[in-house]
Structure formats: C-alpha cells, structure tokens
Amino acid sequence: MSAKDFYHEMVKEALIKEGWTITHDPLHLRWGKRDFYVDLGAEQILAAEKNNSLTGSLTKIAVEIKSFLSYSNIRDLEVAVGQ
C-alpha cells in the first residue's frame, strides 16, 4: 500500500459533506491472486417516495486520488498512470 495523497483527507471530507458514507480507507480489491488498493470506497443511498412508499438504491464508488504537485505535469501524469 502506498502513502496517502496530499489531498486525501480533503477529498474524503468533501465526499462526506455530499452525503457519501466512507466504507473503506483504503478499499482492498482482489483479482485472481493479485491484490489492489484504491484510496477510498464509498456508498450513498438514494431514496425516493412514490405512492406513500419509500424506494431506494445504493450507489457504490471507488475513488483514486492523485495530486499533480511537482514542476512537471507530464512527470506527475507518468507517475499517476504508470509508464
């Protein structure tokens, strides 16, 4: 697992303010025998009322946070995406 990005806590706080619930910090994913980590996992319940009954759906997202803080945006992009 890598270090948290410079803007990690700010993005997390913004998601919470918009009604998202942070479920994982970090989010662990497994594909076959490989392990992956995404910065945040979050979910949001969207509810609606129709004919006096509530219906809802659960939306889940994975959020990868990247900062471009060096003098070279190209180098930052290369590091963020990979060579």
PDB file of N, CA and C in Angstrom:
ATOM      1  N   MET A   1       0.841  -1.174   0.000  1.00  0.00           N
ATOM      2  CA  MET A   1       0.000   0.000   0.000  1.00  0.00           C
ATOM      3  C   MET A   1       0.889   1.241   0.000  1.00  0.00           C
ATOM      4  N   SER A   2       0.512   2.225  -0.778  1.00  0.00           N
ATOM      5  CA  SER A   2       1.313   3.434  -0.851  1.00  0.00           C
ATOM      6  C   SER A   2       0.816   4.477   0.145  1.00  0.00           C
ATOM      7  N   ALA A   3       1.581   5.535   0.274  1.00  0.00           N
ATOM      8  CA  ALA A   3       1.235   6.619   1.196  1.00  0.00           C
ATOM      9  C   ALA A   3       0.003   7.360   0.693  1.00  0.00           C
ATOM     10  N   LYS A   4      -0.703   7.996   1.617  1.00  0.00           N
ATOM     11  CA  LYS A   4      -1.888   8.765   1.242  1.00  0.00           C
ATOM     12  C   LYS A   4      -1.484  10.016   0.471  1.00  0.00           C
ATOM     13  N   ASP A   5      -2.293  10.351  -0.505  1.00  0.00           N
ATOM     14  CA  ASP A   5      -2.070  11.512  -1.338  1.00  0.00           C
ATOM     15  C   ASP A   5      -2.237  12.802  -0.524  1.00  0.00           C
ATOM     16  N   PHE A   6      -1.643  13.873  -0.992  1.00  0.00           N
ATOM     17  CA  PHE A   6      -1.692  15.179  -0.335  1.00  0.00           C
ATOM     18  C   PHE A   6      -3.134  15.624  -0.067  1.00  0.00           C
ATOM     19  N   TYR A   7      -4.041  15.363  -1.002  1.00  0.00           N
ATOM     20  CA  TYR A   7      -5.423  15.821  -0.884  1.00  0.00           C
ATOM     21  C   TYR A   7      -6.374  14.762  -0.326  1.00  0.00           C
ATOM     22  N   HIS A   8      -5.869  13.669   0.174  1.00  0.00           N
ATOM     23  CA  HIS A   8      -6.686  12.542   0.621  1.00  0.00           C
ATOM     24  C   HIS A   8      -7.784  12.970   1.602  1.00  0.00           C
ATOM     25  N   GLU A   9      -7.420  13.619   2.687  1.00  0.00           N
ATOM     26  CA  GLU A   9      -8.399  13.987   3.714  1.00  0.00           C
ATOM     27  C   GLU A   9      -9.400  15.017   3.197  1.00  0.00           C
ATOM     28  N   MET A  10      -8.961  15.921   2.335  1.00  0.00           N
ATOM     29  CA  MET A  10      -9.879  16.923   1.775  1.00  0.00           C
ATOM     30  C   MET A  10     -10.932  16.269   0.886  1.00  0.00           C
ATOM     31  N   VAL A  11     -10.512  15.309   0.071  1.00  0.00           N
ATOM     32  CA  VAL A  11     -11.458  14.598  -0.797  1.00  0.00           C
ATOM     33  C   VAL A  11     -12.428  13.791   0.055  1.00  0.00           C
ATOM     34  N   LYS A  12     -11.916  13.140   1.072  1.00  0.00           N
ATOM     35  CA  LYS A  12     -12.750  12.352   1.975  1.00  0.00           C
ATOM     36  C   LYS A  12     -13.811  13.232   2.648  1.00  0.00           C
ATOM     37  N   GLU A  13     -13.405  14.371   3.164  1.00  0.00           N
ATOM     38  CA  GLU A  13     -14.336  15.307   3.805  1.00  0.00           C
ATOM     39  C   GLU A  13     -15.378  15.826   2.813  1.00  0.00           C
ATOM     40  N   ALA A  14     -14.972  16.110   1.588  1.00  0.00           N
ATOM     41  CA  ALA A  14     -15.906  16.596   0.565  1.00  0.00           C
ATOM     42  C   ALA A  14     -16.953  15.527   0.235  1.00  0.00           C
ATOM     43  N   LEU A  15     -16.536  14.282   0.129  1.00  0.00           N
ATOM     44  CA  LEU A  15     -17.485  13.195  -0.132  1.00  0.00           C
ATOM     45  C   LEU A  15     -18.503  13.081   1.006  1.00  0.00           C
ATOM     46  N   ILE A  16     -18.031  13.152   2.230  1.00  0.00           N
ATOM     47  CA  ILE A  16     -18.919  13.061   3.390  1.00  0.00           C
ATOM     48  C   ILE A  16     -19.921  14.213   3.388  1.00  0.00           C
ATOM     49  N   LYS A  17     -19.455  15.421   3.082  1.00  0.00           N
ATOM     50  CA  LYS A  17     -20.353  16.585   3.029  1.00  0.00           C
ATOM     51  C   LYS A  17     -21.421  16.431   1.958  1.00  0.00           C
ATOM     52  N   GLU A  18     -21.113  15.688   0.891  1.00  0.00           N
ATOM     53  CA  GLU A  18     -22.073  15.475  -0.199  1.00  0.00           C
ATOM     54  C   GLU A  18     -22.979  14.267   0.052  1.00  0.00           C
ATOM     55  N   GLY A  19     -22.893  13.685   1.239  1.00  0.00           N
ATOM     56  CA  GLY A  19     -23.804  12.611   1.600  1.00  0.00           C
ATOM     57  C   GLY A  19     -23.294  11.202   1.386  1.00  0.00           C
ATOM     58  N   TRP A  20     -22.020  11.058   1.032  1.00  0.00           N
ATOM     59  CA  TRP A  20     -21.432   9.731   0.853  1.00  0.00           C
ATOM     60  C   TRP A  20     -20.969   9.191   2.199  1.00  0.00           C
ATOM     61  N   THR A  21     -21.073   7.893   2.380  1.00  0.00           N
ATOM     62  CA  THR A  21     -20.542   7.212   3.556  1.00  0.00           C
ATOM     63  C   THR A  21     -19.262   6.512   3.134  1.00  0.00           C
ATOM     64  N   ILE A  22     -18.171   6.814   3.813  1.00  0.00           N
ATOM     65  CA  ILE A  22     -16.893   6.168   3.507  1.00  0.00           C
ATOM     66  C   ILE A  22     -16.931   4.774   4.107  1.00  0.00           C
ATOM     67  N   THR A  23     -16.798   3.767   3.268  1.00  0.00           N
ATOM     68  CA  THR A  23     -16.870   2.382   3.718  1.00  0.00           C
ATOM     69  C   THR A  23     -15.490   1.742   3.862  1.00  0.00           C
ATOM     70  N   HIS A  24     -14.524   2.223   3.093  1.00  0.00           N
ATOM     71  CA  HIS A  24     -13.174   1.659   3.133  1.00  0.00           C
ATOM     72  C   HIS A  24     -12.140   2.761   2.928  1.00  0.00           C
ATOM     73  N   ASP A  25     -11.084   2.705   3.715  1.00  0.00           N
ATOM     74  CA  ASP A  25      -9.991   3.670   3.592  1.00  0.00           C
ATOM     75  C   ASP A  25      -8.689   2.984   3.985  1.00  0.00           C
ATOM     76  N   PRO A  26      -8.071   2.290   3.057  1.00  0.00           N
ATOM     77  CA  PRO A  26      -8.296   2.128   1.626  1.00  0.00           C
ATOM     78  C   PRO A  26      -9.250   0.968   1.321  1.00  0.00           C
ATOM     79  N   LEU A  27      -9.679   0.912   0.070  1.00  0.00           N
ATOM     80  CA  LEU A  27     -10.529  -0.167  -0.427  1.00  0.00           C
ATOM     81  C   LEU A  27      -9.630  -1.261  -0.996  1.00  0.00           C
ATOM     82  N   HIS A  28      -9.780  -2.468  -0.476  1.00  0.00           N
ATOM     83  CA  HIS A  28      -8.969  -3.607  -0.933  1.00  0.00           C
ATOM     84  C   HIS A  28      -9.754  -4.373  -1.994  1.00  0.00           C
ATOM     85  N   LEU A  29      -9.139  -4.616  -3.140  1.00  0.00           N
ATOM     86  CA  LEU A  29      -9.740  -5.398  -4.216  1.00  0.00           C
ATOM     87  C   LEU A  29      -8.822  -6.570  -4.532  1.00  0.00           C
ATOM     88  N   ARG A  30      -9.419  -7.672  -4.918  1.00  0.00           N
ATOM     89  CA  ARG A  30      -8.624  -8.846  -5.294  1.00  0.00           C
ATOM     90  C   ARG A  30      -9.078  -9.311  -6.669  1.00  0.00           C
ATOM     91  N   TRP A  31      -8.123  -9.507  -7.561  1.00  0.00           N
ATOM     92  CA  TRP A  31      -8.389 -10.018  -8.904  1.00  0.00           C
ATOM     93  C   TRP A  31      -7.524 -11.256  -9.074  1.00  0.00           C
ATOM     94  N   GLY A  32      -8.129 -12.418  -8.988  1.00  0.00           N
ATOM     95  CA  GLY A  32      -7.353 -13.655  -9.021  1.00  0.00           C
ATOM     96  C   GLY A  32      -6.473 -13.721  -7.792  1.00  0.00           C
ATOM     97  N   LYS A  33      -5.181 -13.816  -8.022  1.00  0.00           N
ATOM     98  CA  LYS A  33      -4.229 -13.864  -6.914  1.00  0.00           C
ATOM     99  C   LYS A  33      -3.597 -12.513  -6.610  1.00  0.00           C
ATOM    100  N   ARG A  34      -4.032 -11.484  -7.323  1.00  0.00           N
ATOM    101  CA  ARG A  34      -3.428 -10.152  -7.162  1.00  0.00           C
ATOM    102  C   ARG A  34      -4.276  -9.285  -6.255  1.00  0.00           C
ATOM    103  N   ASP A  35      -3.614  -8.512  -5.412  1.00  0.00           N
ATOM    104  CA  ASP A  35      -4.270  -7.558  -4.525  1.00  0.00           C
ATOM    105  C   ASP A  35      -4.067  -6.148  -5.048  1.00  0.00           C
ATOM    106  N   PHE A  36      -5.123  -5.354  -4.989  1.00  0.00           N
ATOM    107  CA  PHE A  36      -5.081  -3.952  -5.397  1.00  0.00           C
ATOM    108  C   PHE A  36      -5.679  -3.108  -4.284  1.00  0.00           C
ATOM    109  N   TYR A  37      -5.253  -1.870  -4.212  1.00  0.00           N
ATOM    110  CA  TYR A  37      -5.803  -0.942  -3.238  1.00  0.00           C
ATOM    111  C   TYR A  37      -6.206   0.343  -3.939  1.00  0.00           C
ATOM    112  N   VAL A  38      -7.413   0.809  -3.653  1.00  0.00           N
ATOM    113  CA  VAL A  38      -7.923   2.084  -4.151  1.00  0.00           C
ATOM    114  C   VAL A  38      -8.049   2.986  -2.930  1.00  0.00           C
ATOM    115  N   ASP A  39      -7.805   4.281  -3.098  1.00  0.00           N
ATOM    116  CA  ASP A  39      -7.748   5.193  -1.955  1.00  0.00           C
ATOM    117  C   ASP A  39      -8.992   5.154  -1.074  1.00  0.00           C
ATOM    118  N   LEU A  40     -10.177   5.216  -1.664  1.00  0.00           N
ATOM    119  CA  LEU A  40     -11.405   5.252  -0.872  1.00  0.00           C
ATOM    120  C   LEU A  40     -12.493   4.403  -1.512  1.00  0.00           C
ATOM    121  N   GLY A  41     -13.307   3.796  -0.682  1.00  0.00           N
ATOM    122  CA  GLY A  41     -14.549   3.170  -1.111  1.00  0.00           C
ATOM    123  C   GLY A  41     -15.668   3.915  -0.419  1.00  0.00           C
ATOM    124  N   ALA A  42     -16.748   4.212  -1.133  1.00  0.00           N
ATOM    125  CA  ALA A  42     -17.853   4.968  -0.539  1.00  0.00           C
ATOM    126  C   ALA A  42     -19.171   4.484  -1.110  1.00  0.00           C
ATOM    127  N   GLU A  43     -20.239   4.758  -0.370  1.00  0.00           N
ATOM    128  CA  GLU A  43     -21.569   4.420  -0.850  1.00  0.00           C
ATOM    129  C   GLU A  43     -22.544   5.523  -0.457  1.00  0.00           C
ATOM    130  N   GLN A  44     -23.635   5.605  -1.213  1.00  0.00           N
ATOM    131  CA  GLN A  44     -24.653   6.612  -0.956  1.00  0.00           C
ATOM    132  C   GLN A  44     -26.012   5.983  -1.237  1.00  0.00           C
ATOM    133  N   ILE A  45     -26.935   6.157  -0.317  1.00  0.00           N
ATOM    134  CA  ILE A  45     -28.292   5.660  -0.502  1.00  0.00           C
ATOM    135  C   ILE A  45     -29.122   6.781  -1.113  1.00  0.00           C
ATOM    136  N   LEU A  46     -29.731   6.495  -2.241  1.00  0.00           N
ATOM    137  CA  LEU A  46     -30.613   7.437  -2.906  1.00  0.00           C
ATOM    138  C   LEU A  46     -32.045   6.947  -2.698  1.00  0.00           C
ATOM    139  N   ALA A  47     -32.845   7.735  -1.998  1.00  0.00           N
ATOM    140  CA  ALA A  47     -34.209   7.323  -1.677  1.00  0.00           C
ATOM    141  C   ALA A  47     -35.207   8.239  -2.357  1.00  0.00           C
ATOM    142  N   ALA A  48     -36.346   7.667  -2.678  1.00  0.00           N
ATOM    143  CA  ALA A  48     -37.426   8.438  -3.286  1.00  0.00           C
ATOM    144  C   ALA A  48     -38.748   7.926  -2.738  1.00  0.00           C
ATOM    145  N   GLU A  49     -39.738   8.802  -2.704  1.00  0.00           N
ATOM    146  CA  GLU A  49     -41.062   8.408  -2.234  1.00  0.00           C
ATOM    147  C   GLU A  49     -42.025   8.404  -3.408  1.00  0.00           C
ATOM    148  N   LYS A  50     -42.784   7.304  -3.515  1.00  0.00           N
ATOM    149  CA  LYS A  50     -43.773   7.180  -4.576  1.00  0.00           C
ATOM    150  C   LYS A  50     -44.983   6.451  -4.008  1.00  0.00           C
ATOM    151  N   ASN A  51     -46.132   7.065  -4.121  1.00  0.00           N
ATOM    152  CA  ASN A  51     -47.370   6.472  -3.595  1.00  0.00           C
ATOM    153  C   ASN A  51     -47.239   6.084  -2.124  1.00  0.00           C
ATOM    154  N   ASN A  52     -46.699   6.995  -1.332  1.00  0.00           N
ATOM    155  CA  ASN A  52     -46.530   6.815   0.112  1.00  0.00           C
ATOM    156  C   ASN A  52     -45.632   5.640   0.502  1.00  0.00           C
ATOM    157  N   SER A  53     -44.778   5.199  -0.378  1.00  0.00           N
ATOM    158  CA  SER A  53     -43.808   4.164  -0.018  1.00  0.00           C
ATOM    159  C   SER A  53     -42.425   4.621  -0.468  1.00  0.00           C
ATOM    160  N   LEU A  54     -41.456   4.266   0.337  1.00  0.00           N
ATOM    161  CA  LEU A  54     -40.079   4.639   0.032  1.00  0.00           C
ATOM    162  C   LEU A  54     -39.408   3.567  -0.811  1.00  0.00           C
ATOM    163  N   THR A  55     -38.721   3.997  -1.821  1.00  0.00           N
ATOM    164  CA  THR A  55     -37.879   3.108  -2.609  1.00  0.00           C
ATOM    165  C   THR A  55     -36.484   3.714  -2.615  1.00  0.00           C
ATOM    166  N   GLY A  56     -35.506   2.899  -2.779  1.00  0.00           N
ATOM    167  CA  GLY A  56     -34.152   3.431  -2.771  1.00  0.00           C
ATOM    168  C   GLY A  56     -33.188   2.538  -3.516  1.00  0.00           C
ATOM    169  N   SER A  57     -32.044   3.104  -3.777  1.00  0.00           N
ATOM    170  CA  SER A  57     -30.981   2.332  -4.405  1.00  0.00           C
ATOM    171  C   SER A  57     -29.659   2.719  -3.763  1.00  0.00           C
ATOM    172  N   LEU A  58     -28.750   1.808  -3.775  1.00  0.00           N
ATOM    173  CA  LEU A  58     -27.440   2.016  -3.184  1.00  0.00           C
ATOM    174  C   LEU A  58     -26.416   2.176  -4.299  1.00  0.00           C
ATOM    175  N   THR A  59     -25.717   3.287  -4.290  1.00  0.00           N
ATOM    176  CA  THR A  59     -24.668   3.540  -5.264  1.00  0.00           C
ATOM    177  C   THR A  59     -23.321   3.416  -4.568  1.00  0.00           C
ATOM    178  N   LYS A  60     -22.422   2.650  -5.170  1.00  0.00           N
ATOM    179  CA  LYS A  60     -21.081   2.467  -4.608  1.00  0.00           C
ATOM    180  C   LYS A  60     -20.048   3.002  -5.588  1.00  0.00           C
ATOM    181  N   ILE A  61     -18.994   3.625  -5.045  1.00  0.00           N
ATOM    182  CA  ILE A  61     -17.912   4.142  -5.877  1.00  0.00           C
ATOM    183  C   ILE A  61     -16.558   3.789  -5.256  1.00  0.00           C
ATOM    184  N   ALA A  62     -15.555   3.729  -6.110  1.00  0.00           N
ATOM    185  CA  ALA A  62     -14.159   3.618  -5.688  1.00  0.00           C
ATOM    186  C   ALA A  62     -13.475   4.887  -6.174  1.00  0.00           C
ATOM    187  N   VAL A  63     -12.721   5.539  -5.287  1.00  0.00           N
ATOM    188  CA  VAL A  63     -12.113   6.835  -5.606  1.00  0.00           C
ATOM    189  C   VAL A  63     -10.597   6.730  -5.489  1.00  0.00           C
ATOM    190  N   GLU A  64      -9.916   7.001  -6.577  1.00  0.00           N
ATOM    191  CA  GLU A  64      -8.451   7.070  -6.586  1.00  0.00           C
ATOM    192  C   GLU A  64      -8.067   8.540  -6.621  1.00  0.00           C
ATOM    193  N   ILE A  65      -7.232   8.964  -5.696  1.00  0.00           N
ATOM    194  CA  ILE A  65      -6.880  10.375  -5.547  1.00  0.00           C
ATOM    195  C   ILE A  65      -5.437  10.579  -6.014  1.00  0.00           C
ATOM    196  N   LYS A  66      -5.239  11.540  -6.891  1.00  0.00           N
ATOM    197  CA  LYS A  66      -3.904  11.856  -7.391  1.00  0.00           C
ATOM    198  C   LYS A  66      -3.687  13.360  -7.371  1.00  0.00           C
ATOM    199  N   SER A  67      -2.500  13.776  -6.954  1.00  0.00           N
ATOM    200  CA  SER A  67      -2.117  15.188  -6.964  1.00  0.00           C
ATOM    201  C   SER A  67      -1.042  15.408  -8.015  1.00  0.00           C
ATOM    202  N   PHE A  68      -1.040  16.572  -8.580  1.00  0.00           N
ATOM    203  CA  PHE A  68      -0.013  16.965  -9.535  1.00  0.00           C
ATOM    204  C   PHE A  68       0.708  18.162  -8.929  1.00  0.00           C
ATOM    205  N   LEU A  69       1.713  17.878  -8.100  1.00  0.00           N
ATOM    206  CA  LEU A  69       2.347  18.924  -7.301  1.00  0.00           C
ATOM    207  C   LEU A  69       3.770  19.262  -7.715  1.00  0.00           C
ATOM    208  N   SER A  70       4.368  18.483  -8.602  1.00  0.00           N
ATOM    209  CA  SER A  70       5.756  18.774  -8.971  1.00  0.00           C
ATOM    210  C   SER A  70       5.801  19.853 -10.054  1.00  0.00           C
ATOM    211  N   TYR A  71       6.985  20.188 -10.478  1.00  0.00           N
ATOM    212  CA  TYR A  71       7.148  21.220 -11.501  1.00  0.00           C
ATOM    213  C   TYR A  71       6.780  20.721 -12.896  1.00  0.00           C
ATOM    214  N   SER A  72       6.716  19.405 -13.070  1.00  0.00           N
ATOM    215  CA  SER A  72       6.420  18.835 -14.380  1.00  0.00           C
ATOM    216  C   SER A  72       5.094  18.069 -14.343  1.00  0.00           C
ATOM    217  N   ASN A  73       4.082  18.621 -14.994  1.00  0.00           N
ATOM    218  CA  ASN A  73       2.796  17.937 -15.060  1.00  0.00           C
ATOM    219  C   ASN A  73       2.908  16.616 -15.815  1.00  0.00           C
ATOM    220  N   ILE A  74       3.799  16.578 -16.812  1.00  0.00           N
ATOM    221  CA  ILE A  74       3.991  15.355 -17.587  1.00  0.00           C
ATOM    222  C   ILE A  74       4.562  14.255 -16.691  1.00  0.00           C
ATOM    223  N   ARG A  75       5.528  14.598 -15.872  1.00  0.00           N
ATOM    224  CA  ARG A  75       6.115  13.614 -14.952  1.00  0.00           C
ATOM    225  C   ARG A  75       5.063  13.143 -13.946  1.00  0.00           C
ATOM    226  N   ASP A  76       4.261  14.048 -13.422  1.00  0.00           N
ATOM    227  CA  ASP A  76       3.203  13.671 -12.493  1.00  0.00           C
ATOM    228  C   ASP A  76       2.222  12.711 -13.156  1.00  0.00           C
ATOM    229  N   LEU A  77       1.860  12.981 -14.396  1.00  0.00           N
ATOM    230  CA  LEU A  77       0.942  12.109 -15.124  1.00  0.00           C
ATOM    231  C   LEU A  77       1.567  10.736 -15.324  1.00  0.00           C
ATOM    232  N   GLU A  78       2.835  10.709 -15.671  1.00  0.00           N
ATOM    233  CA  GLU A  78       3.541   9.450 -15.873  1.00  0.00           C
ATOM    234  C   GLU A  78       3.543   8.615 -14.573  1.00  0.00           C
ATOM    235  N   VAL A  79       3.774   9.264 -13.455  1.00  0.00           N
ATOM    236  CA  VAL A  79       3.783   8.562 -12.163  1.00  0.00           C
ATOM    237  C   VAL A  79       2.386   8.093 -11.791  1.00  0.00           C
ATOM    238  N   ALA A  80       1.368   8.932 -12.059  1.00  0.00           N
ATOM    239  CA  ALA A  80      -0.007   8.592 -11.703  1.00  0.00           C
ATOM    240  C   ALA A  80      -0.534   7.423 -12.517  1.00  0.00           C
ATOM    241  N   VAL A  81      -0.261   7.395 -13.803  1.00  0.00           N
ATOM    242  CA  VAL A  81      -0.808   6.376 -14.690  1.00  0.00           C
ATOM    243  C   VAL A  81       0.139   5.189 -14.813  1.00  0.00           C
ATOM    244  N   GLY A  82       1.415   5.425 -14.731  1.00  0.00           N
ATOM    245  CA  GLY A  82       2.416   4.380 -14.921  1.00  0.00           C
ATOM    246  C   GLY A  82       3.065   4.532 -16.287  1.00  0.00           C
ATOM    247  N   GLN A  83       4.239   4.009 -16.407  1.00  0.00           N
ATOM    248  CA  GLN A  83       4.974   4.193 -17.654  1.00  0.00           C
ATOM    249  C   GLN A  83       4.328   3.438 -18.738  1.00  0.00           C
TER     250      GLN A  83
END
